[in-house]
PDB file of N, CA and C in Angstrom:
ATOM      1  N   GLN A   1     -10.720  33.452   2.923  1.00  0.00           N
ATOM      2  CA  GLN A   1     -10.051  34.564   2.281  1.00  0.00           C
ATOM      3  C   GLN A   1      -9.696  34.234   0.830  1.00  0.00           C
ATOM      4  N   TYR A   2      -9.291  32.995   0.596  1.00  0.00           N
ATOM      5  CA  TYR A   2      -8.898  32.611  -0.758  1.00  0.00           C
ATOM      6  C   TYR A   2     -10.086  32.711  -1.714  1.00  0.00           C
ATOM      7  N   ALA A   3     -11.243  32.263  -1.279  1.00  0.00           N
ATOM      8  CA  ALA A   3     -12.427  32.319  -2.141  1.00  0.00           C
ATOM      9  C   ALA A   3     -12.765  33.763  -2.488  1.00  0.00           C
ATOM     10  N   PHE A   4     -12.700  34.643  -1.503  1.00  0.00           N
ATOM     11  CA  PHE A   4     -13.027  36.045  -1.777  1.00  0.00           C
ATOM     12  C   PHE A   4     -11.960  36.671  -2.677  1.00  0.00           C
ATOM     13  N   TYR A   5     -10.703  36.300  -2.470  1.00  0.00           N
ATOM     14  CA  TYR A   5      -9.618  36.805  -3.324  1.00  0.00           C
ATOM     15  C   TYR A   5      -9.868  36.412  -4.783  1.00  0.00           C
ATOM     16  N   GLN A   6     -10.209  35.146  -5.011  1.00  0.00           N
ATOM     17  CA  GLN A   6     -10.478  34.679  -6.377  1.00  0.00           C
ATOM     18  C   GLN A   6     -11.693  35.395  -6.961  1.00  0.00           C
ATOM     19  N   ALA A   7     -12.716  35.595  -6.145  1.00  0.00           N
ATOM     20  CA  ALA A   7     -13.897  36.326  -6.609  1.00  0.00           C
ATOM     21  C   ALA A   7     -13.521  37.752  -6.991  1.00  0.00           C
ATOM     22  N   LYS A   8     -12.664  38.382  -6.199  1.00  0.00           N
ATOM     23  CA  LYS A   8     -12.244  39.764  -6.468  1.00  0.00           C
ATOM     24  C   LYS A   8     -11.508  39.849  -7.798  1.00  0.00           C
ATOM     25  N   LEU A   9     -10.698  38.850  -8.123  1.00  0.00           N
ATOM     26  CA  LEU A   9     -10.026  38.844  -9.426  1.00  0.00           C
ATOM     27  C   LEU A   9     -11.052  38.857 -10.557  1.00  0.00           C
ATOM     28  N   CYS A  10     -12.117  38.086 -10.412  1.00  0.00           N
ATOM     29  CA  CYS A  10     -13.180  38.054 -11.419  1.00  0.00           C
ATOM     30  C   CYS A  10     -13.945  39.370 -11.462  1.00  0.00           C
ATOM     31  N   ILE A  11     -14.255  39.895 -10.294  1.00  0.00           N
ATOM     32  CA  ILE A  11     -14.987  41.164 -10.211  1.00  0.00           C
ATOM     33  C   ILE A  11     -14.190  42.277 -10.902  1.00  0.00           C
ATOM     34  N   ASP A  12     -12.877  42.288 -10.675  1.00  0.00           N
ATOM     35  CA  ASP A  12     -12.023  43.309 -11.293  1.00  0.00           C
ATOM     36  C   ASP A  12     -12.019  43.209 -12.817  1.00  0.00           C
ATOM     37  N   GLN A  13     -12.355  42.045 -13.343  1.00  0.00           N
ATOM     38  CA  GLN A  13     -12.433  41.866 -14.794  1.00  0.00           C
ATOM     39  C   GLN A  13     -13.846  42.105 -15.324  1.00  0.00           C
ATOM     40  N   GLY A  14     -14.760  42.508 -14.435  1.00  0.00           N
ATOM     41  CA  GLY A  14     -16.107  42.869 -14.860  1.00  0.00           C
ATOM     42  C   GLY A  14     -17.152  41.766 -14.760  1.00  0.00           C
ATOM     43  N   TYR A  15     -16.797  40.646 -14.137  1.00  0.00           N
ATOM     44  CA  TYR A  15     -17.762  39.554 -14.001  1.00  0.00           C
ATOM     45  C   TYR A  15     -18.735  39.821 -12.854  1.00  0.00           C
ATOM     46  N   VAL A  16     -19.962  39.393 -13.038  1.00  0.00           N
ATOM     47  CA  VAL A  16     -20.968  39.392 -11.981  1.00  0.00           C
ATOM     48  C   VAL A  16     -21.060  37.960 -11.472  1.00  0.00           C
ATOM     49  N   ILE A  17     -21.019  37.801 -10.154  1.00  0.00           N
ATOM     50  CA  ILE A  17     -21.024  36.466  -9.559  1.00  0.00           C
ATOM     51  C   ILE A  17     -22.300  36.283  -8.755  1.00  0.00           C
ATOM     52  N   HIS A  18     -23.043  35.230  -9.054  1.00  0.00           N
ATOM     53  CA  HIS A  18     -24.231  34.863  -8.303  1.00  0.00           C
ATOM     54  C   HIS A  18     -23.847  33.673  -7.422  1.00  0.00           C
ATOM     55  N   THR A  19     -24.285  33.681  -6.180  1.00  0.00           N
ATOM     56  CA  THR A  19     -23.897  32.610  -5.256  1.00  0.00           C
ATOM     57  C   THR A  19     -25.112  31.995  -4.572  1.00  0.00           C
ATOM     58  N   MET A  20     -24.879  30.812  -4.028  1.00  0.00           N
ATOM     59  CA  MET A  20     -25.929  30.101  -3.304  1.00  0.00           C
ATOM     60  C   MET A  20     -25.305  29.416  -2.102  1.00  0.00           C
ATOM     61  N   SER A  21     -25.964  29.510  -0.962  1.00  0.00           N
ATOM     62  CA  SER A  21     -25.556  28.744   0.216  1.00  0.00           C
ATOM     63  C   SER A  21     -26.730  27.872   0.619  1.00  0.00           C
ATOM     64  N   VAL A  22     -26.427  26.603   0.880  1.00  0.00           N
ATOM     65  CA  VAL A  22     -27.469  25.633   1.187  1.00  0.00           C
ATOM     66  C   VAL A  22     -27.126  24.940   2.495  1.00  0.00           C
ATOM     67  N   GLY A  23     -28.064  24.946   3.423  1.00  0.00           N
ATOM     68  CA  GLY A  23     -27.876  24.253   4.698  1.00  0.00           C
ATOM     69  C   GLY A  23     -27.383  25.171   5.799  1.00  0.00           C
ATOM     70  N   SER A  24     -27.561  24.735   7.017  1.00  0.00           N
ATOM     71  CA  SER A  24     -27.231  25.571   8.167  1.00  0.00           C
ATOM     72  C   SER A  24     -25.733  25.732   8.378  1.00  0.00           C
ATOM     73  N   SER A  25     -24.912  24.829   7.823  1.00  0.00           N
ATOM     74  CA  SER A  25     -23.469  24.948   8.021  1.00  0.00           C
ATOM     75  C   SER A  25     -22.772  25.682   6.864  1.00  0.00           C
ATOM     76  N   ALA A  26     -23.524  26.135   5.888  1.00  0.00           N
ATOM     77  CA  ALA A  26     -22.936  26.864   4.759  1.00  0.00           C
ATOM     78  C   ALA A  26     -22.458  28.236   5.223  1.00  0.00           C
ATOM     79  N   ASP A  27     -21.434  28.746   4.573  1.00  0.00           N
ATOM     80  CA  ASP A  27     -20.905  30.071   4.912  1.00  0.00           C
ATOM     81  C   ASP A  27     -21.693  31.135   4.146  1.00  0.00           C
ATOM     82  N   GLY A  28     -22.886  31.410   4.645  1.00  0.00           N
ATOM     83  CA  GLY A  28     -23.772  32.368   3.985  1.00  0.00           C
ATOM     84  C   GLY A  28     -23.196  33.766   3.939  1.00  0.00           C
ATOM     85  N   ALA A  29     -22.463  34.156   4.975  1.00  0.00           N
ATOM     86  CA  ALA A  29     -21.886  35.507   4.996  1.00  0.00           C
ATOM     87  C   ALA A  29     -20.894  35.682   3.852  1.00  0.00           C
ATOM     88  N   LEU A  30     -20.080  34.673   3.605  1.00  0.00           N
ATOM     89  CA  LEU A  30     -19.116  34.751   2.506  1.00  0.00           C
ATOM     90  C   LEU A  30     -19.834  34.780   1.167  1.00  0.00           C
ATOM     91  N   MET A  31     -20.808  33.909   0.987  1.00  0.00           N
ATOM     92  CA  MET A  31     -21.531  33.863  -0.284  1.00  0.00           C
ATOM     93  C   MET A  31     -22.272  35.177  -0.540  1.00  0.00           C
ATOM     94  N   GLU A  32     -22.852  35.730   0.515  1.00  0.00           N
ATOM     95  CA  GLU A  32     -23.544  37.016   0.377  1.00  0.00           C
ATOM     96  C   GLU A  32     -22.545  38.111   0.004  1.00  0.00           C
ATOM     97  N   ALA A  33     -21.394  38.146   0.674  1.00  0.00           N
ATOM     98  CA  ALA A  33     -20.389  39.176   0.399  1.00  0.00           C
ATOM     99  C   ALA A  33     -19.889  39.102  -1.042  1.00  0.00           C
ATOM    100  N   ILE A  34     -19.635  37.900  -1.512  1.00  0.00           N
ATOM    101  CA  ILE A  34     -19.148  37.744  -2.886  1.00  0.00           C
ATOM    102  C   ILE A  34     -20.210  38.223  -3.878  1.00  0.00           C
ATOM    103  N   ALA A  35     -21.437  37.786  -3.690  1.00  0.00           N
ATOM    104  CA  ALA A  35     -22.501  38.189  -4.624  1.00  0.00           C
ATOM    105  C   ALA A  35     -22.730  39.694  -4.589  1.00  0.00           C
ATOM    106  N   LEU A  36     -22.853  40.255  -3.403  1.00  0.00           N
ATOM    107  CA  LEU A  36     -23.159  41.688  -3.306  1.00  0.00           C
ATOM    108  C   LEU A  36     -22.019  42.545  -3.835  1.00  0.00           C
ATOM    109  N   SER A  37     -20.754  42.120  -3.606  1.00  0.00           N
ATOM    110  CA  SER A  37     -19.647  42.942  -4.096  1.00  0.00           C
ATOM    111  C   SER A  37     -19.546  42.945  -5.605  1.00  0.00           C
ATOM    112  N   SER A  38     -20.122  41.957  -6.254  1.00  0.00           N
ATOM    113  CA  SER A  38     -20.040  41.903  -7.712  1.00  0.00           C
ATOM    114  C   SER A  38     -21.328  42.380  -8.381  1.00  0.00           C
ATOM    115  N   GLY A  39     -22.334  42.719  -7.574  1.00  0.00           N
ATOM    116  CA  GLY A  39     -23.621  43.106  -8.142  1.00  0.00           C
ATOM    117  C   GLY A  39     -24.496  41.906  -8.453  1.00  0.00           C
ATOM    118  N   GLY A  40     -24.118  40.745  -7.913  1.00  0.00           N
ATOM    119  CA  GLY A  40     -24.855  39.520  -8.169  1.00  0.00           C
ATOM    120  C   GLY A  40     -25.966  39.269  -7.167  1.00  0.00           C
ATOM    121  N   VAL A  41     -26.575  38.120  -7.309  1.00  0.00           N
ATOM    122  CA  VAL A  41     -27.685  37.705  -6.451  1.00  0.00           C
ATOM    123  C   VAL A  41     -27.201  36.577  -5.556  1.00  0.00           C
ATOM    124  N   TRP A  42     -27.527  36.654  -4.288  1.00  0.00           N
ATOM    125  CA  TRP A  42     -27.209  35.599  -3.324  1.00  0.00           C
ATOM    126  C   TRP A  42     -28.504  34.896  -2.949  1.00  0.00           C
ATOM    127  N   VAL A  43     -28.492  33.574  -3.029  1.00  0.00           N
ATOM    128  CA  VAL A  43     -29.644  32.759  -2.652  1.00  0.00           C
ATOM    129  C   VAL A  43     -29.232  31.931  -1.445  1.00  0.00           C
ATOM    130  N   HIS A  44     -30.050  31.959  -0.405  1.00  0.00           N
ATOM    131  CA  HIS A  44     -29.764  31.165   0.793  1.00  0.00           C
ATOM    132  C   HIS A  44     -30.941  30.230   1.050  1.00  0.00           C
ATOM    133  N   ALA A  45     -30.627  28.953   1.131  1.00  0.00           N
ATOM    134  CA  ALA A  45     -31.633  27.948   1.475  1.00  0.00           C
ATOM    135  C   ALA A  45     -31.222  27.371   2.829  1.00  0.00           C
ATOM    136  N   PRO A  46     -31.839  27.834   3.906  1.00  0.00           N
ATOM    137  CA  PRO A  46     -31.423  27.405   5.240  1.00  0.00           C
ATOM    138  C   PRO A  46     -31.729  25.932   5.494  1.00  0.00           C
ATOM    139  N   GLY A  47     -31.021  25.368   6.449  1.00  0.00           N
ATOM    140  CA  GLY A  47     -31.292  23.989   6.839  1.00  0.00           C
ATOM    141  C   GLY A  47     -32.723  23.850   7.320  1.00  0.00           C
ATOM    142  N   GLY A  48     -33.315  22.738   7.028  1.00  0.00           N
ATOM    143  CA  GLY A  48     -34.682  22.492   7.457  1.00  0.00           C
ATOM    144  C   GLY A  48     -35.737  23.038   6.519  1.00  0.00           C
ATOM    145  N   ALA A  49     -35.317  23.705   5.443  1.00  0.00           N
ATOM    146  CA  ALA A  49     -36.286  24.228   4.481  1.00  0.00           C
ATOM    147  C   ALA A  49     -36.891  23.063   3.702  1.00  0.00           C
ATOM    148  N   THR A  50     -38.122  23.212   3.334  1.00  0.00           N
ATOM    149  CA  THR A  50     -38.773  22.170   2.534  1.00  0.00           C
ATOM    150  C   THR A  50     -38.352  22.313   1.075  1.00  0.00           C
ATOM    151  N   ILE A  51     -38.545  21.269   0.327  1.00  0.00           N
ATOM    152  CA  ILE A  51     -38.236  21.302  -1.108  1.00  0.00           C
ATOM    153  C   ILE A  51     -39.047  22.401  -1.794  1.00  0.00           C
ATOM    154  N   ASP A  52     -40.302  22.564  -1.394  1.00  0.00           N
ATOM    155  CA  ASP A  52     -41.135  23.619  -1.986  1.00  0.00           C
ATOM    156  C   ASP A  52     -40.574  25.004  -1.684  1.00  0.00           C
ATOM    157  N   ASP A  53     -40.103  25.211  -0.452  1.00  0.00           N
ATOM    158  CA  ASP A  53     -39.507  26.505  -0.098  1.00  0.00           C
ATOM    159  C   ASP A  53     -38.256  26.776  -0.925  1.00  0.00           C
ATOM    160  N   ILE A  54     -37.402  25.766  -1.051  1.00  0.00           N
ATOM    161  CA  ILE A  54     -36.176  25.928  -1.827  1.00  0.00           C
ATOM    162  C   ILE A  54     -36.508  26.200  -3.287  1.00  0.00           C
ATOM    163  N   ARG A  55     -37.480  25.458  -3.832  1.00  0.00           N
ATOM    164  CA  ARG A  55     -37.890  25.674  -5.220  1.00  0.00           C
ATOM    165  C   ARG A  55     -38.360  27.112  -5.423  1.00  0.00           C
ATOM    166  N   ASP A  56     -39.189  27.610  -4.506  1.00  0.00           N
ATOM    167  CA  ASP A  56     -39.694  28.975  -4.624  1.00  0.00           C
ATOM    168  C   ASP A  56     -38.557  29.991  -4.549  1.00  0.00           C
ATOM    169  N   GLN A  57     -37.601  29.756  -3.658  1.00  0.00           N
ATOM    170  CA  GLN A  57     -36.451  30.664  -3.545  1.00  0.00           C
ATOM    171  C   GLN A  57     -35.617  30.647  -4.824  1.00  0.00           C
ATOM    172  N   LEU A  58     -35.424  29.458  -5.389  1.00  0.00           N
ATOM    173  CA  LEU A  58     -34.646  29.360  -6.621  1.00  0.00           C
ATOM    174  C   LEU A  58     -35.356  30.033  -7.789  1.00  0.00           C
ATOM    175  N   LEU A  59     -36.648  29.832  -7.910  1.00  0.00           N
ATOM    176  CA  LEU A  59     -37.393  30.484  -8.991  1.00  0.00           C
ATOM    177  C   LEU A  59     -37.305  32.001  -8.870  1.00  0.00           C
ATOM    178  N   ASP A  60     -37.436  32.512  -7.651  1.00  0.00           N
ATOM    179  CA  ASP A  60     -37.306  33.950  -7.424  1.00  0.00           C
ATOM    180  C   ASP A  60     -35.900  34.426  -7.783  1.00  0.00           C
ATOM    181  N   ALA A  61     -34.893  33.706  -7.319  1.00  0.00           N
ATOM    182  CA  ALA A  61     -33.505  34.108  -7.578  1.00  0.00           C
ATOM    183  C   ALA A  61     -33.191  34.073  -9.070  1.00  0.00           C
ATOM    184  N   PHE A  62     -33.576  33.005  -9.756  1.00  0.00           N
ATOM    185  CA  PHE A  62     -33.294  32.917 -11.185  1.00  0.00           C
ATOM    186  C   PHE A  62     -34.048  33.994 -11.956  1.00  0.00           C
ATOM    187  N   GLY A  63     -35.223  34.366 -11.480  1.00  0.00           N
ATOM    188  CA  GLY A  63     -35.949  35.476 -12.102  1.00  0.00           C
ATOM    189  C   GLY A  63     -35.199  36.784 -11.952  1.00  0.00           C
ATOM    190  N   ARG A  64     -34.636  37.023 -10.749  1.00  0.00           N
ATOM    191  CA  ARG A  64     -33.851  38.251 -10.527  1.00  0.00           C
ATOM    192  C   ARG A  64     -32.560  38.234 -11.347  1.00  0.00           C
ATOM    193  N   ILE A  65     -31.934  37.068 -11.436  1.00  0.00           N
ATOM    194  CA  ILE A  65     -30.710  36.960 -12.232  1.00  0.00           C
ATOM    195  C   ILE A  65     -31.018  37.224 -13.705  1.00  0.00           C
ATOM    196  N   ALA A  66     -32.071  36.607 -14.225  1.00  0.00           N
ATOM    197  CA  ALA A  66     -32.441  36.784 -15.632  1.00  0.00           C
ATOM    198  C   ALA A  66     -32.767  38.245 -15.934  1.00  0.00           C
ATOM    199  N   ALA A  67     -33.408  38.923 -15.000  1.00  0.00           N
ATOM    200  CA  ALA A  67     -33.763  40.328 -15.209  1.00  0.00           C
ATOM    201  C   ALA A  67     -32.527  41.218 -15.256  1.00  0.00           C
ATOM    202  N   ALA A  68     -31.437  40.779 -14.646  1.00  0.00           N
ATOM    203  CA  ALA A  68     -30.222  41.586 -14.589  1.00  0.00           C
ATOM    204  C   ALA A  68     -29.276  41.323 -15.762  1.00  0.00           C
ATOM    205  N   VAL A  69     -29.558  40.316 -16.571  1.00  0.00           N
ATOM    206  CA  VAL A  69     -28.668  39.991 -17.692  1.00  0.00           C
ATOM    207  C   VAL A  69     -28.849  41.053 -18.770  1.00  0.00           C
ATOM    208  N   PRO A  70     -27.741  41.683 -19.176  1.00  0.00           N
ATOM    209  CA  PRO A  70     -27.866  42.708 -20.213  1.00  0.00           C
ATOM    210  C   PRO A  70     -28.219  42.078 -21.556  1.00  0.00           C
ATOM    211  N   PRO A  71     -28.817  42.861 -22.439  1.00  0.00           N
ATOM    212  CA  PRO A  71     -29.158  42.315 -23.757  1.00  0.00           C
ATOM    213  C   PRO A  71     -27.887  41.950 -24.534  1.00  0.00           C
ATOM    214  N   ALA A  72     -28.025  41.015 -25.434  1.00  0.00           N
ATOM    215  CA  ALA A  72     -26.890  40.603 -26.271  1.00  0.00           C
ATOM    216  C   ALA A  72     -26.440  41.783 -27.123  1.00  0.00           C
ATOM    217  N   ARG A  73     -25.155  41.805 -27.422  1.00  0.00           N
ATOM    218  CA  ARG A  73     -24.626  42.858 -28.300  1.00  0.00           C
ATOM    219  C   ARG A  73     -23.595  42.237 -29.230  1.00  0.00           C
ATOM    220  N   LEU A  74     -23.474  42.814 -30.389  1.00  0.00           N
ATOM    221  CA  LEU A  74     -22.503  42.332 -31.354  1.00  0.00           C
ATOM    222  C   LEU A  74     -21.123  42.865 -30.992  1.00  0.00           C
ATOM    223  N   SER A  75     -20.136  42.065 -31.274  1.00  0.00           N
ATOM    224  CA  SER A  75     -18.772  42.461 -30.987  1.00  0.00           C
ATOM    225  C   SER A  75     -17.892  42.017 -32.149  1.00  0.00           C
ATOM    226  N   HIS A  76     -16.894  42.771 -32.467  1.00  0.00           N
ATOM    227  CA  HIS A  76     -15.992  42.350 -33.527  1.00  0.00           C
ATOM    228  C   HIS A  76     -14.644  41.927 -32.960  1.00  0.00           C
ATOM    229  N   GLU A  77     -14.648  41.342 -31.801  1.00  0.00           N
ATOM    230  CA  GLU A  77     -13.412  40.820 -31.195  1.00  0.00           C
ATOM    231  C   GLU A  77     -13.199  39.401 -31.602  1.00  0.00           C
TER     232      GLU A  77
END
């Protein structure tokens, strides 16, 4: 609950959170919930995955994350 609470504070300030869960004992449901509630990308690398599988998942995820990054803009703050 604490992790989701902290994520919600960030989400309320407009942050997008991308998450990753690695291994069979990772809390994938929590990581997925945090990413989806913020409009982010969740990457899951299950236990027993090969290095090649994980690499492919990461390349796909980073591609989706990069595609979602808004263009730079000037600010006078």
